Amino acid sequence: MKRTMLSATLVLAAAAALIAVGVAGGAATKGKPKLSATPVFKLKLKPSQEVPPIKGLKADAVGNVTFDLTRNAAGAITSGEVIFYFNYKFPGSVTINGLHAHQGAKGTNGPIVVSSGLVEFTDSDGEGNVTTVVIGTPAATLQAILDNPRGYYVNLHTSVNTDGALREQMHNPKKR
């Protein structure tokens, strides 16, 4: 009987401690939004967004760029992976030779800041999917994109349009 009573007392004490920690933890973060560990940039790349726009190309790519981030206790990014995932559609055979995030405002071209590492390939029917995971992107680059996503764009390059065939400016990400 004493043993059961002692066990019940310990269980109740542990439950009370957990509740107290939960309440205190909730009070400390109340009002401050949690920083997302996985912001997702949903994009539809189009030839009309290229600089200069590509006329007559009936193609697009729909997908996303996801940052899988690690943050320290202060919320600063310490590392992260960049996942490129796009379904593309071209009117016929296509050789895809690049997929990148570039720094540059709408209407301007700029340097590559995150390369997907995509290896050139030919798709005979022009429809398919590209998925790549990039590790080792500097934390400062990831933070810069999050701070000003409109200052960056994603570009899909082909052998016919080596400077870029499909593009969209990045914008505020969705949070998962």
Protein backbone atom coordinates (compact mmCIF):
# COMPACT_ATOMS: atom_id res chain seq x y z
CA MET A 1 0.00 0.00 0.00
CA LYS A 2 2.81 2.41 0.90
CA ARG A 3 4.63 1.53 -2.30
CA THR A 4 1.52 2.24 -4.42
CA MET A 5 0.93 5.49 -2.57
CA LEU A 6 4.58 6.53 -3.08
CA SER A 7 4.42 5.67 -6.80
CA ALA A 8 1.20 7.63 -7.22
CA THR A 9 2.74 10.61 -5.38
CA LEU A 10 5.82 10.52 -7.65
CA VAL A 11 3.67 10.32 -10.78
CA LEU A 12 1.57 13.29 -9.62
CA ALA A 13 4.70 15.30 -8.77
CA ALA A 14 6.24 14.55 -12.17
CA ALA A 15 3.02 15.52 -13.96
CA ALA A 16 2.84 18.79 -12.01
CA ALA A 17 6.47 19.55 -12.90
CA LEU A 18 5.79 18.92 -16.60
CA ILE A 19 2.74 21.17 -16.52
CA ALA A 20 4.72 23.93 -14.77
CA VAL A 21 7.51 23.70 -17.35
CA GLY A 22 4.97 23.78 -20.20
CA VAL A 23 3.19 26.83 -18.78
CA ALA A 24 6.46 28.66 -18.14
CA GLY A 25 7.76 27.77 -21.60
CA GLY A 26 4.55 28.98 -23.20
CA ALA A 27 4.64 32.25 -21.29
CA ALA A 28 8.23 32.94 -22.33
CA THR A 29 7.45 32.67 -26.06
CA LYS A 30 3.95 34.15 -26.04
CA GLY A 31 3.59 36.88 -28.66
CA LYS A 32 6.84 36.03 -30.47
CA PRO A 33 6.31 33.99 -33.64
CA LYS A 34 8.41 30.87 -33.99
CA LEU A 35 10.97 30.98 -36.79
CA SER A 36 10.23 28.34 -39.40
CA ALA A 37 12.75 25.55 -39.84
CA THR A 38 11.40 24.82 -43.34
CA PRO A 39 10.32 27.85 -45.37
CA VAL A 40 8.93 26.82 -48.76
CA PHE A 41 9.04 29.10 -51.82
CA LYS A 42 6.27 27.95 -54.21
CA LEU A 43 7.09 29.00 -57.77
CA LYS A 44 5.84 28.79 -61.35
CA LEU A 45 8.74 29.38 -63.72
CA LYS A 46 7.77 30.88 -67.09
CA PRO A 47 9.64 32.03 -70.21
CA SER A 48 7.88 35.42 -70.05
CA GLN A 49 9.75 36.18 -66.80
CA GLU A 50 13.19 35.83 -68.38
CA VAL A 51 15.26 38.96 -69.04
CA PRO A 52 14.70 39.54 -71.87
CA PRO A 53 11.39 37.60 -72.08
CA ILE A 54 11.42 34.52 -74.32
CA LYS A 55 8.59 34.69 -76.83
CA GLY A 56 7.02 31.65 -78.46
CA LEU A 57 8.21 29.05 -75.95
CA LYS A 58 5.22 27.14 -74.57
CA ALA A 59 6.85 25.76 -71.43
CA ASP A 60 6.71 26.08 -67.67
CA ALA A 61 7.91 24.50 -64.46
CA VAL A 62 5.89 24.34 -61.27
CA GLY A 63 7.42 23.48 -57.93
CA ASN A 64 9.25 24.83 -54.97
CA VAL A 65 12.50 25.64 -53.30
CA THR A 66 12.58 24.56 -49.67
CA PHE A 67 15.09 25.59 -47.02
CA ASP A 68 15.55 22.89 -44.37
CA LEU A 69 17.20 25.04 -41.71
CA THR A 70 19.01 24.48 -38.45
CA ARG A 71 18.91 27.43 -36.04
CA ASN A 72 20.71 28.12 -32.78
CA ALA A 73 18.95 29.03 -29.52
CA ALA A 74 18.88 32.70 -30.55
CA GLY A 75 17.13 31.83 -33.83
CA ALA A 76 20.11 32.48 -36.12
CA ILE A 77 20.58 30.10 -39.04
CA THR A 78 23.61 27.88 -38.48
CA SER A 79 23.22 25.56 -41.48
CA GLY A 80 20.68 24.31 -43.95
CA GLU A 81 19.87 22.32 -47.04
CA VAL A 82 18.19 23.74 -50.13
CA ILE A 83 15.78 21.39 -51.90
CA PHE A 84 14.81 22.17 -55.50
CA TYR A 85 11.69 20.31 -56.71
CA PHE A 86 10.11 21.15 -60.08
CA ASN A 87 7.78 19.49 -62.56
CA TYR A 88 8.59 20.88 -66.02
CA LYS A 89 6.79 20.76 -69.33
CA PHE A 90 8.31 21.68 -72.71
CA PRO A 91 6.67 21.16 -76.13
CA GLY A 92 9.19 18.47 -77.11
CA SER A 93 12.63 17.09 -76.44
CA VAL A 94 14.70 19.32 -74.16
CA THR A 95 18.20 19.29 -72.72
CA ILE A 96 18.18 20.80 -69.24
CA ASN A 97 21.57 21.99 -68.08
CA GLY A 98 21.00 24.18 -65.03
CA LEU A 99 18.69 25.05 -62.17
CA HIS A 100 19.78 27.86 -59.86
CA ALA A 101 18.80 30.60 -57.45
CA HIS A 102 20.24 33.91 -58.64
CA GLN A 103 20.60 37.26 -56.91
CA GLY A 104 18.77 39.92 -58.90
CA ALA A 105 15.67 42.06 -58.71
CA LYS A 106 12.76 41.63 -61.12
CA GLY A 107 13.80 42.75 -64.59
CA THR A 108 17.52 42.22 -63.98
CA ASN A 109 19.90 39.30 -64.32
CA GLY A 110 22.35 38.42 -61.61
CA PRO A 111 24.89 35.90 -60.34
CA ILE A 112 24.13 32.38 -59.16
CA VAL A 113 24.01 32.19 -55.35
CA VAL A 114 22.70 28.60 -54.99
CA SER A 115 23.36 26.03 -57.70
CA SER A 116 21.23 22.90 -57.62
CA GLY A 117 24.17 20.84 -58.86
CA LEU A 118 21.96 19.51 -61.65
CA VAL A 119 23.87 17.42 -64.19
CA GLU A 120 22.86 18.07 -67.82
CA PHE A 121 20.35 15.59 -69.20
CA THR A 122 18.03 15.23 -72.19
CA ASP A 123 14.34 14.46 -71.79
CA SER A 124 12.96 13.12 -75.08
CA ASP A 125 9.30 14.00 -74.44
CA GLY A 126 9.98 17.30 -72.63
CA GLU A 127 7.98 16.48 -69.49
CA GLY A 128 9.41 15.40 -66.17
CA ASN A 129 10.63 16.24 -62.72
CA VAL A 130 13.84 17.62 -61.26
CA THR A 131 14.64 17.10 -57.60
CA THR A 132 17.99 18.02 -56.05
CA VAL A 133 19.25 18.57 -52.52
CA VAL A 134 22.04 21.08 -51.94
CA ILE A 135 24.11 20.94 -48.78
CA GLY A 136 26.74 23.42 -47.69
CA THR A 137 25.02 26.67 -48.69
CA PRO A 138 26.43 29.39 -46.43
CA ALA A 139 24.08 30.39 -43.59
CA ALA A 140 24.55 34.06 -44.59
CA THR A 141 23.22 33.31 -48.10
CA LEU A 142 20.15 31.53 -46.72
CA GLN A 143 19.48 34.42 -44.33
CA ALA A 144 19.95 37.02 -47.10
CA ILE A 145 17.34 35.26 -49.27
CA LEU A 146 14.90 35.07 -46.35
CA ASP A 147 15.48 38.75 -45.53
CA ASN A 148 14.81 39.89 -49.12
CA PRO A 149 13.31 37.09 -51.25
CA ARG A 150 12.23 39.53 -53.99
CA GLY A 151 15.92 40.24 -54.58
CA TYR A 152 16.38 36.66 -55.86
CA TYR A 153 14.96 34.49 -58.62
CA VAL A 154 15.01 30.85 -59.70
CA ASN A 155 16.05 29.98 -63.24
CA LEU A 156 15.89 26.75 -65.27
CA HIS A 157 18.46 26.66 -68.10
CA THR A 158 18.39 24.61 -71.30
CA SER A 159 20.84 23.97 -74.13
CA VAL A 160 18.74 26.24 -76.38
CA ASN A 161 18.32 28.98 -73.76
CA THR A 162 21.64 28.85 -71.95
CA ASP A 163 21.04 32.09 -70.03
CA GLY A 164 17.71 30.73 -68.78
CA ALA A 165 14.50 29.38 -70.27
CA LEU A 166 12.10 29.60 -67.33
CA ARG A 167 12.18 32.01 -64.38
CA GLU A 168 10.23 33.37 -61.44
CA GLN A 169 11.11 35.92 -58.81
CA MET A 170 11.12 34.53 -55.28
CA HIS A 171 8.60 35.89 -52.77
CA ASN A 172 7.67 35.34 -49.13
CA PRO A 173 7.78 31.64 -48.33
CA LYS A 174 5.08 29.47 -46.90
CA LYS A 175 6.01 27.94 -43.56
CA ARG A 176 5.78 24.26 -42.68
